[in-house]
Amino acid sequence: MRIKQVHSGIGRPALERRTLEALGLKHHQDAVVKKDHPSLRGMLYQVRHLVEVTPVKEGK
């Protein structure tokens, strides 16, 4: 999954800011690629209004 931060964490509750940091997103427009996992889905649900998720085909 490609996860891109589309809104700033400034002014957001501490839980949301810590979740963004745990995902590896430190700045607006940062993007990371992570493997799909239930715990990752839970984190994304907490910050769903701040990120954009795009499926990525896994390469060999």
PDB file of N, CA and C in Angstrom:
ATOM      1  N   MET A   1       0.841  -1.166   0.000  1.00  0.00           N
ATOM      2  CA  MET A   1       0.000   0.000   0.000  1.00  0.00           C
ATOM      3  C   MET A   1       0.891   1.237   0.000  1.00  0.00           C
ATOM      4  N   ARG A   2       0.524   2.199  -0.800  1.00  0.00           N
ATOM      5  CA  ARG A   2       1.223   3.481  -0.794  1.00  0.00           C
ATOM      6  C   ARG A   2       0.387   4.433   0.045  1.00  0.00           C
ATOM      7  N   ILE A   3       1.007   5.012   1.065  1.00  0.00           N
ATOM      8  CA  ILE A   3       0.313   5.897   1.988  1.00  0.00           C
ATOM      9  C   ILE A   3       0.918   7.284   1.842  1.00  0.00           C
ATOM     10  N   LYS A   4       0.089   8.260   1.545  1.00  0.00           N
ATOM     11  CA  LYS A   4       0.555   9.630   1.354  1.00  0.00           C
ATOM     12  C   LYS A   4      -0.192  10.545   2.308  1.00  0.00           C
ATOM     13  N   GLN A   5       0.551  11.382   3.012  1.00  0.00           N
ATOM     14  CA  GLN A   5      -0.071  12.342   3.921  1.00  0.00           C
ATOM     15  C   GLN A   5      -0.541  13.530   3.091  1.00  0.00           C
ATOM     16  N   VAL A   6      -1.839  13.808   3.117  1.00  0.00           N
ATOM     17  CA  VAL A   6      -2.386  14.890   2.303  1.00  0.00           C
ATOM     18  C   VAL A   6      -2.824  16.092   3.135  1.00  0.00           C
ATOM     19  N   HIS A   7      -2.898  15.926   4.451  1.00  0.00           N
ATOM     20  CA  HIS A   7      -3.232  17.036   5.341  1.00  0.00           C
ATOM     21  C   HIS A   7      -2.231  17.070   6.478  1.00  0.00           C
ATOM     22  N   SER A   8      -1.981  18.255   6.994  1.00  0.00           N
ATOM     23  CA  SER A   8      -1.001  18.443   8.054  1.00  0.00           C
ATOM     24  C   SER A   8      -1.479  17.867   9.383  1.00  0.00           C
ATOM     25  N   GLY A   9      -0.534  17.487  10.223  1.00  0.00           N
ATOM     26  CA  GLY A   9      -0.837  17.014  11.567  1.00  0.00           C
ATOM     27  C   GLY A   9      -0.889  18.141  12.582  1.00  0.00           C
ATOM     28  N   ILE A  10      -0.576  19.357  12.151  1.00  0.00           N
ATOM     29  CA  ILE A  10      -0.584  20.504  13.058  1.00  0.00           C
ATOM     30  C   ILE A  10      -2.007  20.756  13.538  1.00  0.00           C
ATOM     31  N   GLY A  11      -2.152  20.922  14.841  1.00  0.00           N
ATOM     32  CA  GLY A  11      -3.460  21.192  15.426  1.00  0.00           C
ATOM     33  C   GLY A  11      -4.303  19.948  15.639  1.00  0.00           C
ATOM     34  N   ARG A  12      -3.755  18.794  15.330  1.00  0.00           N
ATOM     35  CA  ARG A  12      -4.478  17.537  15.509  1.00  0.00           C
ATOM     36  C   ARG A  12      -4.172  16.964  16.885  1.00  0.00           C
ATOM     37  N   PRO A  13      -5.037  16.103  17.402  1.00  0.00           N
ATOM     38  CA  PRO A  13      -4.771  15.468  18.697  1.00  0.00           C
ATOM     39  C   PRO A  13      -3.453  14.680  18.669  1.00  0.00           C
ATOM     40  N   ALA A  14      -2.853  14.550  19.837  1.00  0.00           N
ATOM     41  CA  ALA A  14      -1.557  13.873  19.955  1.00  0.00           C
ATOM     42  C   ALA A  14      -1.609  12.448  19.409  1.00  0.00           C
ATOM     43  N   LEU A  15      -2.712  11.744  19.610  1.00  0.00           N
ATOM     44  CA  LEU A  15      -2.833  10.372  19.114  1.00  0.00           C
ATOM     45  C   LEU A  15      -2.684  10.325  17.595  1.00  0.00           C
ATOM     46  N   GLU A  16      -3.295  11.269  16.899  1.00  0.00           N
ATOM     47  CA  GLU A  16      -3.206  11.303  15.439  1.00  0.00           C
ATOM     48  C   GLU A  16      -1.789  11.651  14.995  1.00  0.00           C
ATOM     49  N   ARG A  17      -1.138  12.594  15.671  1.00  0.00           N
ATOM     50  CA  ARG A  17       0.236  12.961  15.319  1.00  0.00           C
ATOM     51  C   ARG A  17       1.191  11.792  15.537  1.00  0.00           C
ATOM     52  N   ARG A  18       1.009  11.068  16.645  1.00  0.00           N
ATOM     53  CA  ARG A  18       1.865   9.907  16.923  1.00  0.00           C
ATOM     54  C   ARG A  18       1.614   8.792  15.910  1.00  0.00           C
ATOM     55  N   THR A  19       0.377   8.632  15.488  1.00  0.00           N
ATOM     56  CA  THR A  19       0.060   7.609  14.492  1.00  0.00           C
ATOM     57  C   THR A  19       0.724   7.942  13.160  1.00  0.00           C
ATOM     58  N   LEU A  20       0.676   9.204  12.746  1.00  0.00           N
ATOM     59  CA  LEU A  20       1.352   9.611  11.511  1.00  0.00           C
ATOM     60  C   LEU A  20       2.846   9.331  11.602  1.00  0.00           C
ATOM     61  N   GLU A  21       3.442   9.648  12.745  1.00  0.00           N
ATOM     62  CA  GLU A  21       4.873   9.413  12.925  1.00  0.00           C
ATOM     63  C   GLU A  21       5.190   7.918  12.892  1.00  0.00           C
ATOM     64  N   ALA A  22       4.336   7.105  13.503  1.00  0.00           N
ATOM     65  CA  ALA A  22       4.539   5.652  13.504  1.00  0.00           C
ATOM     66  C   ALA A  22       4.428   5.075  12.091  1.00  0.00           C
ATOM     67  N   LEU A  23       3.634   5.712  11.256  1.00  0.00           N
ATOM     68  CA  LEU A  23       3.511   5.283   9.861  1.00  0.00           C
ATOM     69  C   LEU A  23       4.715   5.720   9.031  1.00  0.00           C
ATOM     70  N   GLY A  24       5.544   6.605   9.584  1.00  0.00           N
ATOM     71  CA  GLY A  24       6.709   7.103   8.854  1.00  0.00           C
ATOM     72  C   GLY A  24       6.428   8.379   8.092  1.00  0.00           C
ATOM     73  N   LEU A  25       5.324   9.043   8.419  1.00  0.00           N
ATOM     74  CA  LEU A  25       4.942  10.284   7.745  1.00  0.00           C
ATOM     75  C   LEU A  25       5.248  11.457   8.670  1.00  0.00           C
ATOM     76  N   LYS A  26       6.245  12.260   8.297  1.00  0.00           N
ATOM     77  CA  LYS A  26       6.661  13.353   9.172  1.00  0.00           C
ATOM     78  C   LYS A  26       6.251  14.720   8.642  1.00  0.00           C
ATOM     79  N   HIS A  27       6.067  14.814   7.338  1.00  0.00           N
ATOM     80  CA  HIS A  27       5.754  16.105   6.732  1.00  0.00           C
ATOM     81  C   HIS A  27       4.586  15.954   5.758  1.00  0.00           C
ATOM     82  N   HIS A  28       3.939  17.070   5.492  1.00  0.00           N
ATOM     83  CA  HIS A  28       2.868  17.113   4.504  1.00  0.00           C
ATOM     84  C   HIS A  28       3.425  16.639   3.163  1.00  0.00           C
ATOM     85  N   GLN A  29       2.698  15.825   2.461  1.00  0.00           N
ATOM     86  CA  GLN A  29       3.041  15.253   1.153  1.00  0.00           C
ATOM     87  C   GLN A  29       4.080  14.139   1.226  1.00  0.00           C
ATOM     88  N   ASP A  30       4.460  13.678   2.423  1.00  0.00           N
ATOM     89  CA  ASP A  30       5.329  12.509   2.550  1.00  0.00           C
ATOM     90  C   ASP A  30       4.572  11.274   2.082  1.00  0.00           C
ATOM     91  N   ALA A  31       5.300  10.310   1.541  1.00  0.00           N
ATOM     92  CA  ALA A  31       4.679   9.056   1.110  1.00  0.00           C
ATOM     93  C   ALA A  31       5.574   7.889   1.509  1.00  0.00           C
ATOM     94  N   VAL A  32       4.945   6.788   1.882  1.00  0.00           N
ATOM     95  CA  VAL A  32       5.660   5.559   2.233  1.00  0.00           C
ATOM     96  C   VAL A  32       4.923   4.378   1.618  1.00  0.00           C
ATOM     97  N   VAL A  33       5.630   3.276   1.469  1.00  0.00           N
ATOM     98  CA  VAL A  33       5.019   2.042   0.982  1.00  0.00           C
ATOM     99  C   VAL A  33       5.137   1.013   2.093  1.00  0.00           C
ATOM    100  N   LYS A  34       4.009   0.428   2.483  1.00  0.00           N
ATOM    101  CA  LYS A  34       3.960  -0.563   3.559  1.00  0.00           C
ATOM    102  C   LYS A  34       3.175  -1.774   3.074  1.00  0.00           C
ATOM    103  N   LYS A  35       3.476  -2.925   3.680  1.00  0.00           N
ATOM    104  CA  LYS A  35       2.702  -4.139   3.382  1.00  0.00           C
ATOM    105  C   LYS A  35       1.379  -4.086   4.132  1.00  0.00           C
ATOM    106  N   ASP A  36       0.339  -4.596   3.496  1.00  0.00           N
ATOM    107  CA  ASP A  36      -0.988  -4.619   4.107  1.00  0.00           C
ATOM    108  C   ASP A  36      -0.991  -5.572   5.298  1.00  0.00           C
ATOM    109  N   HIS A  37      -1.528  -5.098   6.413  1.00  0.00           N
ATOM    110  CA  HIS A  37      -1.570  -5.883   7.646  1.00  0.00           C
ATOM    111  C   HIS A  37      -2.718  -5.337   8.496  1.00  0.00           C
ATOM    112  N   PRO A  38      -3.397  -6.167   9.277  1.00  0.00           N
ATOM    113  CA  PRO A  38      -4.517  -5.679  10.086  1.00  0.00           C
ATOM    114  C   PRO A  38      -4.155  -4.517  11.016  1.00  0.00           C
ATOM    115  N   SER A  39      -2.957  -4.545  11.616  1.00  0.00           N
ATOM    116  CA  SER A  39      -2.577  -3.449  12.509  1.00  0.00           C
ATOM    117  C   SER A  39      -2.359  -2.157  11.723  1.00  0.00           C
ATOM    118  N   LEU A  40      -1.838  -2.278  10.505  1.00  0.00           N
ATOM    119  CA  LEU A  40      -1.663  -1.109   9.647  1.00  0.00           C
ATOM    120  C   LEU A  40      -3.023  -0.528   9.278  1.00  0.00           C
ATOM    121  N   ARG A  41      -3.979  -1.388   8.972  1.00  0.00           N
ATOM    122  CA  ARG A  41      -5.331  -0.926   8.637  1.00  0.00           C
ATOM    123  C   ARG A  41      -5.944  -0.147   9.794  1.00  0.00           C
ATOM    124  N   GLY A  42      -5.706  -0.605  11.032  1.00  0.00           N
ATOM    125  CA  GLY A  42      -6.219   0.095  12.204  1.00  0.00           C
ATOM    126  C   GLY A  42      -5.609   1.475  12.347  1.00  0.00           C
ATOM    127  N   MET A  43      -4.307   1.574  12.090  1.00  0.00           N
ATOM    128  CA  MET A  43      -3.640   2.875  12.161  1.00  0.00           C
ATOM    129  C   MET A  43      -4.180   3.811  11.082  1.00  0.00           C
ATOM    130  N   LEU A  44      -4.374   3.272   9.883  1.00  0.00           N
ATOM    131  CA  LEU A  44      -4.895   4.092   8.788  1.00  0.00           C
ATOM    132  C   LEU A  44      -6.315   4.567   9.079  1.00  0.00           C
ATOM    133  N   TYR A  45      -7.093   3.736   9.752  1.00  0.00           N
ATOM    134  CA  TYR A  45      -8.460   4.126  10.094  1.00  0.00           C
ATOM    135  C   TYR A  45      -8.455   5.334  11.034  1.00  0.00           C
ATOM    136  N   GLN A  46      -7.477   5.390  11.944  1.00  0.00           N
ATOM    137  CA  GLN A  46      -7.395   6.504  12.892  1.00  0.00           C
ATOM    138  C   GLN A  46      -7.081   7.826  12.199  1.00  0.00           C
ATOM    139  N   VAL A  47      -6.335   7.773  11.107  1.00  0.00           N
ATOM    140  CA  VAL A  47      -5.926   9.006  10.427  1.00  0.00           C
ATOM    141  C   VAL A  47      -6.451   9.053   8.990  1.00  0.00           C
ATOM    142  N   ARG A  48      -7.573   8.400   8.748  1.00  0.00           N
ATOM    143  CA  ARG A  48      -8.113   8.292   7.385  1.00  0.00           C
ATOM    144  C   ARG A  48      -8.418   9.649   6.761  1.00  0.00           C
ATOM    145  N   HIS A  49      -8.662  10.679   7.573  1.00  0.00           N
ATOM    146  CA  HIS A  49      -8.963  12.009   7.057  1.00  0.00           C
ATOM    147  C   HIS A  49      -7.692  12.804   6.744  1.00  0.00           C
ATOM    148  N   LEU A  50      -6.515  12.247   7.072  1.00  0.00           N
ATOM    149  CA  LEU A  50      -5.246  12.937   6.847  1.00  0.00           C
ATOM    150  C   LEU A  50      -4.389  12.282   5.768  1.00  0.00           C
ATOM    151  N   VAL A  51      -4.755  11.069   5.362  1.00  0.00           N
ATOM    152  CA  VAL A  51      -3.917  10.329   4.417  1.00  0.00           C
ATOM    153  C   VAL A  51      -4.720   9.863   3.206  1.00  0.00           C
ATOM    154  N   GLU A  52      -3.967   9.505   2.176  1.00  0.00           N
ATOM    155  CA  GLU A  52      -4.546   8.933   0.960  1.00  0.00           C
ATOM    156  C   GLU A  52      -3.851   7.593   0.737  1.00  0.00           C
ATOM    157  N   VAL A  53      -4.628   6.540   0.557  1.00  0.00           N
ATOM    158  CA  VAL A  53      -4.070   5.193   0.414  1.00  0.00           C
ATOM    159  C   VAL A  53      -4.314   4.697  -1.005  1.00  0.00           C
ATOM    160  N   THR A  54      -3.246   4.185  -1.622  1.00  0.00           N
ATOM    161  CA  THR A  54      -3.316   3.661  -2.975  1.00  0.00           C
ATOM    162  C   THR A  54      -2.749   2.245  -2.982  1.00  0.00           C
ATOM    163  N   PRO A  55      -3.461   1.284  -3.550  1.00  0.00           N
ATOM    164  CA  PRO A  55      -2.893  -0.065  -3.628  1.00  0.00           C
ATOM    165  C   PRO A  55      -1.714  -0.098  -4.601  1.00  0.00           C
ATOM    166  N   VAL A  56      -0.707  -0.889  -4.250  1.00  0.00           N
ATOM    167  CA  VAL A  56       0.484  -1.032  -5.085  1.00  0.00           C
ATOM    168  C   VAL A  56       0.696  -2.515  -5.337  1.00  0.00           C
ATOM    169  N   LYS A  57       0.962  -2.864  -6.587  1.00  0.00           N
ATOM    170  CA  LYS A  57       1.256  -4.264  -6.896  1.00  0.00           C
ATOM    171  C   LYS A  57       2.665  -4.572  -6.420  1.00  0.00           C
ATOM    172  N   GLU A  58       2.794  -5.712  -5.755  1.00  0.00           N
ATOM    173  CA  GLU A  58       4.097  -6.107  -5.231  1.00  0.00           C
ATOM    174  C   GLU A  58       4.976  -6.632  -6.355  1.00  0.00           C
ATOM    175  N   GLY A  59       6.208  -6.138  -6.400  1.00  0.00           N
ATOM    176  CA  GLY A  59       7.169  -6.616  -7.385  1.00  0.00           C
ATOM    177  C   GLY A  59       7.926  -7.819  -6.858  1.00  0.00           C
ATOM    178  N   LYS A  60       8.588  -8.522  -7.752  1.00  0.00           N
ATOM    179  CA  LYS A  60       9.333  -9.710  -7.319  1.00  0.00           C
ATOM    180  C   LYS A  60      10.754  -9.357  -6.983  1.00  0.00           C
TER     181      LYS A  60
END
